Amino acid sequence: MVYQVINTILASNDADVSAAEAHGMATGILCVNGQAESAHWLKELFKDDADLSDEDREALVKLFEQTRILLASEAFEFDLFLPDDDVFLDERVQALSSWCQGFLFGIGSVYTAKVWSGDVSEILKDITEFTKLDEGAEGEEDENAYMEVTEYLRSAILLLRDELNINTDGTVH
């Protein structure tokens, strides 16, 4: 999937989120419930029940289903859906911050626990802090920091998936 294609679909259908935030939402939902339906996610993306074309709906559902597959893969293939490296760093940092916001929203839309385990709580605190990243990033040092954050998130998301995923009988494992 190409980031800009999904971003354009969302913008042209009046979604209030970017492709990064939408993917973060999908990831959060799927971390809690690996069996979640894409319809729940689409409803969250388009509160006004946008009349999506079949082609646009298909592209979005494909992104959701690819996210499900990559999260479930044992090959550590999951990655955040962010703009390519040829996009200015400040735009990528903004997208990363939006991804984190979407992720937190996605978890909150499905998981209603009042108390998180220690690891989950710490990771969610980190992700909350990442929503406040400085968008004025530039230079090699900030580029390296951006890469470190994205790698941390990849690992952290897989840990959260294991900690939060609801079994089909409704229990958390």
Protein backbone atom coordinates (compact mmCIF):
# COMPACT_ATOMS: atom_id res chain seq x y z
CA MET A 1 0.00 0.00 0.00
CA VAL A 2 1.21 3.46 -0.78
CA TYR A 3 0.84 5.97 2.03
CA GLN A 4 -0.21 8.86 -0.23
CA VAL A 5 -2.97 6.77 -1.87
CA ILE A 6 -4.58 5.99 1.48
CA ASN A 7 -4.12 9.58 2.62
CA THR A 8 -5.90 10.81 -0.52
CA ILE A 9 -8.79 8.36 -0.03
CA LEU A 10 -9.26 9.56 3.54
CA ALA A 11 -9.07 13.25 2.61
CA SER A 12 -11.42 12.94 -0.35
CA ASN A 13 -14.01 11.21 1.82
CA ASP A 14 -13.82 13.82 4.60
CA ALA A 15 -12.13 11.67 7.22
CA ASP A 16 -10.62 13.79 9.97
CA VAL A 17 -7.51 11.62 10.14
CA SER A 18 -4.37 11.05 8.12
CA ALA A 19 -3.30 7.68 6.77
CA ALA A 20 -0.86 7.37 9.68
CA GLU A 21 -3.55 8.02 12.29
CA ALA A 22 -5.96 5.67 10.54
CA HIS A 23 -3.34 2.91 10.55
CA GLY A 24 -2.59 3.59 14.20
CA MET A 25 -6.30 3.16 14.96
CA ALA A 26 -6.44 -0.12 13.04
CA THR A 27 -3.33 -1.36 14.82
CA GLY A 28 -4.74 -0.44 18.25
CA ILE A 29 -8.02 -2.19 17.52
CA LEU A 30 -6.24 -5.30 16.25
CA CYS A 31 -3.80 -5.37 19.18
CA VAL A 32 -6.76 -5.78 21.48
CA ASN A 33 -8.88 -7.97 19.25
CA GLY A 34 -7.12 -9.78 16.43
CA GLN A 35 -10.54 -10.90 15.17
CA ALA A 36 -11.97 -7.36 14.91
CA GLU A 37 -13.91 -6.55 11.77
CA SER A 38 -12.81 -3.75 9.47
CA ALA A 39 -16.37 -2.35 9.65
CA HIS A 40 -15.71 -1.12 13.22
CA TRP A 41 -12.60 0.71 12.06
CA LEU A 42 -14.34 2.23 9.03
CA LYS A 43 -17.14 3.46 11.28
CA GLU A 44 -14.58 5.18 13.50
CA LEU A 45 -12.86 6.74 10.47
CA PHE A 46 -16.05 8.04 8.89
CA LYS A 47 -18.40 9.19 11.61
CA ASP A 48 -20.69 10.67 8.98
CA ASP A 49 -21.13 7.31 7.21
CA ALA A 50 -19.25 8.48 4.15
CA ASP A 51 -20.44 6.95 0.93
CA LEU A 52 -17.17 5.29 -0.04
CA SER A 53 -16.70 4.02 -3.54
CA ASP A 54 -16.16 0.28 -3.79
CA GLU A 55 -12.57 0.93 -4.85
CA ASP A 56 -11.86 3.18 -1.85
CA ARG A 57 -13.55 0.78 0.59
CA GLU A 58 -11.54 -2.10 -0.89
CA ALA A 59 -8.24 -0.22 -0.49
CA LEU A 60 -9.00 0.63 3.14
CA VAL A 61 -10.14 -2.89 4.00
CA LYS A 62 -6.97 -4.22 2.34
CA LEU A 63 -4.85 -1.98 4.60
CA PHE A 64 -6.77 -3.23 7.66
CA GLU A 65 -6.39 -6.88 6.65
CA GLN A 66 -2.69 -6.48 5.82
CA THR A 67 -2.22 -4.94 9.25
CA ARG A 68 -3.96 -7.95 10.84
CA ILE A 69 -1.71 -10.38 8.93
CA LEU A 70 1.50 -8.51 9.75
CA LEU A 71 0.61 -8.20 13.43
CA ALA A 72 -0.04 -11.94 13.62
CA SER A 73 3.12 -12.88 11.72
CA GLU A 74 5.88 -14.51 13.70
CA ALA A 75 8.42 -13.07 11.25
CA PHE A 76 8.40 -9.56 12.82
CA GLU A 77 7.12 -8.05 9.57
CA PHE A 78 4.83 -5.47 11.14
CA ASP A 79 5.71 -1.86 10.45
CA LEU A 80 4.05 1.48 11.06
CA PHE A 81 2.30 2.95 8.03
CA LEU A 82 4.15 6.25 7.68
CA PRO A 83 5.33 8.47 4.83
CA ASP A 84 8.39 7.26 2.94
CA ASP A 85 11.90 8.35 3.92
CA ASP A 86 12.04 10.81 1.01
CA VAL A 87 9.42 12.99 2.76
CA PHE A 88 10.77 15.81 4.94
CA LEU A 89 11.58 14.66 8.46
CA ASP A 90 9.22 17.15 10.12
CA GLU A 91 6.30 15.70 8.12
CA ARG A 92 7.30 12.15 9.08
CA VAL A 93 7.54 13.16 12.74
CA GLN A 94 4.07 14.72 12.54
CA ALA A 95 2.76 11.51 10.95
CA LEU A 96 4.42 9.43 13.69
CA SER A 97 2.76 11.56 16.35
CA SER A 98 -0.60 11.13 14.58
CA TRP A 99 -0.01 7.38 14.32
CA CYS A 100 0.46 7.24 18.09
CA GLN A 101 -2.73 9.24 18.67
CA GLY A 102 -4.64 6.87 16.42
CA PHE A 103 -3.16 3.85 18.16
CA LEU A 104 -4.23 5.08 21.57
CA PHE A 105 -7.71 5.84 20.24
CA GLY A 106 -7.92 2.39 18.65
CA ILE A 107 -7.03 0.65 21.89
CA GLY A 108 -9.45 2.81 23.84
CA SER A 109 -12.29 2.12 21.41
CA VAL A 110 -12.06 -1.61 22.11
CA TYR A 111 -10.37 -2.16 25.48
CA THR A 112 -12.06 -0.92 28.61
CA ALA A 113 -9.70 -2.07 31.37
CA LYS A 114 -9.28 0.30 34.26
CA VAL A 115 -5.87 -1.06 35.23
CA TRP A 116 -3.04 -1.97 32.89
CA SER A 117 -0.23 -4.39 33.69
CA GLY A 118 3.15 -2.80 34.40
CA ASP A 119 4.62 -3.35 30.94
CA VAL A 120 1.45 -2.26 29.16
CA SER A 121 1.18 0.85 31.31
CA GLU A 122 4.79 1.86 30.62
CA ILE A 123 4.48 1.33 26.87
CA LEU A 124 1.22 3.29 26.72
CA LYS A 125 2.87 6.13 28.65
CA ASP A 126 5.71 6.14 26.11
CA ILE A 127 3.26 6.18 23.21
CA THR A 128 1.38 9.04 24.86
CA GLU A 129 4.65 10.97 25.06
CA PHE A 130 5.30 10.28 21.38
CA THR A 131 2.08 12.15 20.55
CA LYS A 132 3.97 15.28 21.70
CA LEU A 133 7.04 14.90 19.46
CA ASP A 134 8.67 18.12 18.27
CA GLU A 135 7.62 18.61 14.67
CA GLY A 136 10.55 20.96 14.05
CA ALA A 137 12.89 18.00 13.65
CA GLU A 138 15.76 18.22 11.20
CA GLY A 139 19.28 16.94 10.79
CA GLU A 140 20.99 13.61 11.22
CA GLU A 141 20.58 13.44 15.00
CA ASP A 142 16.81 13.91 14.77
CA GLU A 143 16.68 11.43 11.87
CA ASN A 144 18.41 8.84 14.06
CA ALA A 145 16.05 9.58 16.95
CA TYR A 146 13.06 9.17 14.60
CA MET A 147 14.36 5.78 13.47
CA GLU A 148 14.91 4.68 17.09
CA VAL A 149 11.36 5.66 18.04
CA THR A 150 9.85 3.80 15.09
CA GLU A 151 11.88 0.67 15.87
CA TYR A 152 10.89 0.87 19.54
CA LEU A 153 7.25 1.19 18.52
CA ARG A 154 7.42 -1.82 16.22
CA SER A 155 8.63 -3.98 19.09
CA ALA A 156 6.36 -2.40 21.67
CA ILE A 157 3.26 -2.89 19.52
CA LEU A 158 3.97 -6.60 19.17
CA LEU A 159 4.42 -6.88 22.94
CA LEU A 160 1.15 -5.03 23.50
CA ARG A 161 -0.59 -7.31 21.03
CA ASP A 162 0.51 -10.30 23.08
CA GLU A 163 -0.52 -8.67 26.36
CA LEU A 164 -3.87 -7.22 25.28
CA ASN A 165 -5.32 -9.52 22.63
CA ILE A 166 -8.74 -10.81 23.61
CA ASN A 167 -9.37 -14.46 22.96
CA THR A 168 -12.43 -15.38 20.94
CA ASP A 169 -14.24 -16.33 24.17
CA GLY A 170 -13.84 -12.74 25.41
CA THR A 171 -11.07 -13.32 27.94
CA VAL A 172 -7.80 -11.48 27.87
CA HIS A 173 -4.60 -13.52 27.79
